[in-house]
Amino acid sequence: DLADRLGDARRELNYSPGELDRLEDRLNLLQRLSRRYGSAASARERLEKAKNELEDIQYLDEHVEKLEASIKKAKAKVLSAGEELSDARRKAAKKLEKAVEAELKDLSMPGARFRVEFAAKPGAGFDASGLEDIRFLLSANAGQEPGRLSHIASGGELSRIMLAMKNVLRASSEPEVLIFDEIDTGVSGIAAQRVGEKLATLAVDRQVLCVTHLPQLAAMADVQFSIVKQQKDGSTYTTVTRLDEDGRRRELARLIGGENVTETTLGSASAAIGGAERYKSGLRQ
């Protein structure tokens, strides 16, 4: 009985002489893959990743088409948003031009023309800031074509333009600290008085710090400090002193008449302080 069963089993075997070689080759391959990737499980993971990469390569054209369509759609959306931004900017630019010119007129620049220039973006035609570059142009005198501020404006004109823009934009910005260092450069007389008045207007709802050598500006201060640089024992020291009322009068008198402080210059200083206080009182009211 056992011999019959073994015979039946032998007849059912489908033995191929090359099968053993194939199995041994497969086993050797699996062993090499296990040594390379650490384990059979890691090798299977790498196999799945390789299949996905191969699929991406095989269907690369389709992926490229989808990406190009997506880019085209995104670009159209960006351009549409950019055009809306440009329209809003151009409307705001007209208002800004008129407002700045009105401020410059108050700052003794009656013939000034202020313009906002829109220049198309190179390359793709847009970036994170929109579809165009914005430049400010100025004609300081009647009959002159507006040019870029950095090319035609003097130091005093730049100071007044900056002050004008700060005054125009102050209503649309959050409270802040404004620091003006030597804003009186190239300014004197009535223009200096107007700059001082604009600074006082800014200071109604802002903290304004101003370094100045002009009595017209210093007189507008709510609090005034004297800054003196001295040399002592081969070193340089800077002393900052808060001035009382008498100290303010004497410092303004020094700015008006030089080191020789007289009753006349003291009287002028008192008049300047009094006029400034009346102007600021009107602003507060």
Protein backbone atom coordinates (compact mmCIF):
# COMPACT_ATOMS: atom_id res chain seq x y z
CA ASP A 1 0.00 0.00 0.00
CA LEU A 2 2.81 2.40 0.92
CA ALA A 3 4.61 1.60 -2.36
CA ASP A 4 1.47 2.43 -4.32
CA ARG A 5 1.06 5.77 -2.56
CA LEU A 6 4.66 6.73 -3.20
CA GLY A 7 4.29 5.78 -6.85
CA ASP A 8 1.20 7.95 -7.18
CA ALA A 9 2.98 10.86 -5.56
CA ARG A 10 5.98 10.46 -7.85
CA ARG A 11 3.81 10.39 -10.94
CA GLU A 12 2.15 13.67 -9.82
CA LEU A 13 5.49 15.48 -9.53
CA ASN A 14 6.23 17.88 -12.41
CA TYR A 15 9.97 18.02 -12.18
CA SER A 16 11.98 20.27 -14.46
CA PRO A 17 15.79 20.10 -14.46
CA GLY A 18 16.01 23.92 -14.72
CA GLU A 19 13.60 24.58 -11.83
CA LEU A 20 16.25 24.03 -9.19
CA ASP A 21 18.62 26.46 -10.88
CA ARG A 22 15.83 29.07 -11.10
CA LEU A 23 14.97 28.71 -7.42
CA GLU A 24 18.61 28.97 -6.40
CA ASP A 25 19.09 32.08 -8.53
CA ARG A 26 15.95 33.62 -6.97
CA LEU A 27 17.19 32.80 -3.49
CA ASN A 28 20.60 34.35 -4.20
CA LEU A 29 18.90 37.49 -5.50
CA LEU A 30 16.75 37.80 -2.39
CA GLN A 31 19.80 37.34 -0.18
CA ARG A 32 21.70 40.10 -2.02
CA LEU A 33 18.71 42.45 -1.77
CA SER A 34 18.40 41.73 1.95
CA ARG A 35 22.08 42.56 2.48
CA ARG A 36 21.78 45.78 0.46
CA TYR A 37 18.56 47.11 2.00
CA GLY A 38 18.86 45.58 5.46
CA SER A 39 15.97 43.15 5.32
CA ALA A 40 13.43 41.59 3.00
CA ALA A 41 10.77 44.01 4.32
CA SER A 42 12.98 47.03 3.47
CA ALA A 43 13.62 45.59 0.03
CA ARG A 44 9.86 45.27 -0.54
CA GLU A 45 9.38 48.90 0.49
CA ARG A 46 12.05 50.00 -1.96
CA LEU A 47 10.33 47.90 -4.63
CA GLU A 48 7.05 49.74 -4.13
CA LYS A 49 8.82 53.09 -4.27
CA ALA A 50 10.63 52.08 -7.45
CA LYS A 51 7.34 51.00 -9.04
CA ASN A 52 5.82 54.42 -8.23
CA GLU A 53 8.86 56.21 -9.68
CA LEU A 54 8.68 54.11 -12.80
CA GLU A 55 4.98 54.88 -13.14
CA ASP A 56 5.71 58.60 -12.81
CA ILE A 57 8.28 58.32 -15.59
CA GLN A 58 5.95 56.33 -17.81
CA TYR A 59 3.15 58.88 -17.38
CA LEU A 60 5.43 61.93 -17.29
CA ASP A 61 3.76 63.65 -20.25
CA GLU A 62 0.37 63.48 -18.56
CA HIS A 63 1.81 64.91 -15.32
CA VAL A 64 3.48 67.73 -17.24
CA GLU A 65 0.20 68.59 -18.96
CA LYS A 66 -1.64 68.66 -15.64
CA LEU A 67 1.04 70.86 -14.07
CA GLU A 68 1.03 73.24 -17.03
CA ALA A 69 -2.74 73.53 -16.82
CA SER A 70 -2.49 74.18 -13.09
CA ILE A 71 0.19 76.83 -13.64
CA LYS A 72 -1.89 78.52 -16.33
CA LYS A 73 -4.92 78.60 -14.06
CA ALA A 74 -2.88 79.98 -11.13
CA LYS A 75 -1.26 82.63 -13.34
CA ALA A 76 -4.66 83.79 -14.59
CA LYS A 77 -5.81 84.09 -10.99
CA VAL A 78 -2.70 86.06 -10.01
CA LEU A 79 -3.05 88.42 -12.98
CA SER A 80 -6.70 89.02 -12.18
CA ALA A 81 -5.85 89.85 -8.57
CA GLY A 82 -2.93 92.00 -9.75
CA GLU A 83 -5.20 94.01 -12.05
CA GLU A 84 -7.59 94.65 -9.17
CA LEU A 85 -4.65 95.79 -7.04
CA SER A 86 -3.38 98.04 -9.84
CA ASP A 87 -6.80 99.68 -10.24
CA ALA A 88 -6.96 100.34 -6.51
CA ARG A 89 -3.41 101.70 -6.53
CA ARG A 90 -4.10 104.10 -9.39
CA LYS A 91 -7.17 105.47 -7.64
CA ALA A 92 -5.21 105.88 -4.41
CA ALA A 93 -2.31 107.46 -6.31
CA LYS A 94 -4.54 110.26 -7.60
CA LYS A 95 -5.66 111.06 -4.07
CA LEU A 96 -2.10 110.86 -2.77
CA GLU A 97 -0.82 113.23 -5.47
CA LYS A 98 -3.40 115.89 -4.63
CA ALA A 99 -2.94 115.53 -0.87
CA VAL A 100 0.87 115.68 -1.01
CA GLU A 101 0.81 118.71 -3.33
CA ALA A 102 -1.52 120.48 -0.87
CA GLU A 103 0.88 119.70 1.98
CA LEU A 104 3.89 120.88 -0.04
CA LYS A 105 2.08 124.14 -0.77
CA ASP A 106 1.75 124.65 2.99
CA LEU A 107 5.49 123.91 3.29
CA SER A 108 6.43 126.81 1.00
CA MET A 109 6.64 124.75 -2.19
CA PRO A 110 3.66 126.24 -4.08
CA GLY A 111 4.87 125.23 -7.54
CA ALA A 112 5.67 121.62 -6.66
CA ARG A 113 4.04 118.79 -8.60
CA PHE A 114 4.05 115.30 -7.10
CA ARG A 115 3.37 112.27 -9.29
CA VAL A 116 3.16 108.50 -8.81
CA GLU A 117 4.67 106.52 -11.69
CA PHE A 118 3.66 102.94 -12.53
CA ALA A 119 6.30 100.86 -14.36
CA ALA A 120 5.49 97.37 -15.66
CA LYS A 121 7.36 94.51 -14.02
CA PRO A 122 10.02 92.86 -16.21
CA GLY A 123 10.24 89.11 -16.82
CA ALA A 124 7.07 87.27 -15.79
CA GLY A 125 5.22 90.58 -15.44
CA PHE A 126 4.50 90.26 -11.72
CA ASP A 127 5.97 89.37 -8.36
CA ALA A 128 4.86 89.40 -4.74
CA SER A 129 4.36 93.19 -4.82
CA GLY A 130 2.05 93.25 -7.84
CA LEU A 131 2.17 93.97 -11.56
CA GLU A 132 4.24 97.16 -11.47
CA ASP A 133 7.02 99.02 -9.71
CA ILE A 134 5.99 102.27 -8.02
CA ARG A 135 8.15 105.39 -8.18
CA PHE A 136 7.56 108.88 -6.79
CA LEU A 137 8.29 111.80 -9.11
CA LEU A 138 8.60 115.48 -8.26
CA SER A 139 8.78 118.77 -10.06
CA ALA A 140 9.92 121.28 -7.45
CA ASN A 141 9.50 124.31 -9.70
CA ALA A 142 6.90 125.37 -12.23
CA GLY A 143 7.78 124.55 -15.82
CA GLN A 144 9.96 121.55 -14.98
CA GLU A 145 9.06 117.98 -15.88
CA PRO A 146 8.65 115.66 -12.88
CA GLY A 147 11.70 113.50 -12.22
CA ARG A 148 12.67 110.81 -9.73
CA LEU A 149 13.07 112.15 -6.21
CA SER A 150 16.55 110.69 -5.79
CA HIS A 151 17.76 112.55 -8.88
CA ILE A 152 16.32 116.05 -8.60
CA ALA A 153 15.22 116.79 -5.02
CA SER A 154 17.56 118.70 -2.71
CA GLY A 155 18.04 117.74 0.93
CA GLY A 156 15.54 120.31 2.12
CA GLU A 157 12.99 119.29 -0.50
CA LEU A 158 13.33 115.61 0.42
CA SER A 159 12.77 116.51 4.08
CA ARG A 160 9.61 118.42 3.29
CA ILE A 161 8.31 115.70 0.94
CA MET A 162 8.82 113.07 3.62
CA LEU A 163 7.07 115.24 6.18
CA ALA A 164 4.20 115.90 3.77
CA MET A 165 3.72 112.19 3.09
CA LYS A 166 3.85 111.33 6.79
CA ASN A 167 1.22 113.95 7.46
CA VAL A 168 -1.01 112.66 4.64
CA LEU A 169 -0.70 109.01 5.64
CA ARG A 170 -0.95 109.44 9.41
CA ALA A 171 -4.73 109.00 9.43
CA SER A 172 -4.47 105.59 7.72
CA SER A 173 -1.73 104.10 9.90
CA GLU A 174 -1.53 102.83 13.45
CA PRO A 175 -0.02 105.01 16.19
CA GLU A 176 3.75 105.06 15.94
CA VAL A 177 6.96 106.81 16.86
CA LEU A 178 8.39 109.11 14.20
CA ILE A 179 12.05 110.15 14.32
CA PHE A 180 13.26 113.06 12.18
CA ASP A 181 17.02 113.60 12.17
CA GLU A 182 17.99 116.99 10.74
CA ILE A 183 14.74 117.42 8.83
CA ASP A 184 15.58 121.13 8.72
CA THR A 185 18.46 120.57 6.29
CA GLY A 186 18.24 123.21 3.57
CA VAL A 187 15.19 124.85 5.19
CA SER A 188 14.97 128.33 6.69
CA GLY A 189 12.65 131.26 7.26
CA ILE A 190 8.96 130.75 6.54
CA ALA A 191 9.57 127.21 5.23
CA ALA A 192 11.12 126.29 8.59
CA GLN A 193 8.07 127.68 10.37
CA ARG A 194 5.77 125.57 8.20
CA VAL A 195 7.87 122.45 8.86
CA GLY A 196 7.57 123.10 12.58
CA GLU A 197 3.80 123.44 12.29
CA LYS A 198 3.54 120.16 10.37
CA LEU A 199 5.63 118.41 13.01
CA ALA A 200 3.31 119.77 15.69
CA THR A 201 0.31 118.46 13.72
CA LEU A 202 1.90 115.01 13.54
CA ALA A 203 2.59 115.10 17.26
CA VAL A 204 -1.11 115.44 18.10
CA ASP A 205 -1.54 111.65 17.91
CA ARG A 206 2.06 110.45 17.45
CA GLN A 207 5.28 110.46 19.42
CA VAL A 208 7.60 112.69 17.40
CA LEU A 209 11.33 112.93 18.09
CA CYS A 210 13.17 115.63 16.17
CA VAL A 211 16.85 116.59 16.09
CA THR A 212 17.12 120.20 14.94
CA HIS A 213 19.24 123.35 14.96
CA LEU A 214 16.42 125.70 13.94
CA PRO A 215 14.63 127.79 16.59
CA GLN A 216 11.36 127.59 14.62
CA LEU A 217 11.30 123.80 15.04
CA ALA A 218 12.66 123.71 18.59
CA ALA A 219 10.03 126.19 19.76
CA MET A 220 7.27 123.73 18.75
CA ALA A 221 8.55 121.03 21.11
CA ASP A 222 6.49 119.92 24.11
CA VAL A 223 9.70 118.74 25.76
CA GLN A 224 13.13 120.00 24.75
CA PHE A 225 16.56 118.49 25.41
CA SER A 226 20.00 119.96 24.93
CA ILE A 227 22.60 117.54 23.54
CA VAL A 228 26.21 118.58 24.08
CA LYS A 229 29.34 116.70 22.98
CA GLN A 230 32.47 117.29 25.08
CA GLN A 231 36.00 115.94 25.29
CA LYS A 232 37.47 115.04 28.65
CA ASP A 233 40.68 113.16 29.48
CA GLY A 234 41.13 112.13 25.85
CA SER A 235 37.58 110.72 25.51
CA THR A 236 34.39 112.13 24.01
CA TYR A 237 31.20 112.30 26.04
CA THR A 238 27.67 113.29 25.03
CA THR A 239 25.46 114.89 27.65
CA VAL A 240 21.67 115.06 27.29
CA THR A 241 19.87 117.55 29.55
CA ARG A 242 16.13 118.17 29.79
CA LEU A 243 15.52 121.92 29.71
CA ASP A 244 13.14 123.82 31.97
CA GLU A 245 11.34 126.94 30.77
CA ASP A 246 14.28 129.23 31.42
CA GLY A 247 16.65 126.72 29.85
CA ARG A 248 14.45 126.56 26.74
CA ARG A 249 14.47 130.35 26.41
CA ARG A 250 18.24 130.50 26.68
CA GLU A 251 18.78 127.62 24.24
CA LEU A 252 16.43 129.17 21.68
CA ALA A 253 18.16 132.53 22.17
CA ARG A 254 21.48 130.81 21.46
CA LEU A 255 20.04 129.26 18.29
CA ILE A 256 18.73 132.68 17.23
CA GLY A 257 21.73 134.85 18.02
CA GLY A 258 24.67 132.57 18.67
CA GLU A 259 26.67 132.26 21.89
CA ASN A 260 26.13 135.89 22.82
CA VAL A 261 22.71 135.68 24.51
CA THR A 262 21.12 139.13 24.93
CA GLU A 263 17.83 140.49 26.18
CA THR A 264 16.79 140.91 22.55
CA THR A 265 17.43 137.28 21.65
CA LEU A 266 15.80 136.17 24.91
CA GLY A 267 12.75 138.23 23.97
CA SER A 268 12.68 136.65 20.52
CA ALA A 269 12.92 133.21 22.11
CA SER A 270 10.01 133.96 24.44
CA ALA A 271 7.96 135.21 21.51
CA ALA A 272 8.74 132.06 19.52
CA ILE A 273 7.72 129.80 22.41
CA GLY A 274 4.54 131.79 22.99
CA GLY A 275 3.57 131.64 19.31
CA ALA A 276 4.24 127.90 19.23
CA GLU A 277 2.09 127.32 22.33
CA ARG A 278 -0.80 129.24 20.78
CA TYR A 279 -0.52 127.21 17.57
CA LYS A 280 -0.46 123.89 19.47
CA SER A 281 -3.37 125.00 21.64
CA GLY A 282 -5.39 125.56 18.48
CA LEU A 283 -4.48 122.08 17.24
CA ARG A 284 -5.58 120.45 20.49
CA GLN A 285 -8.87 122.32 20.45
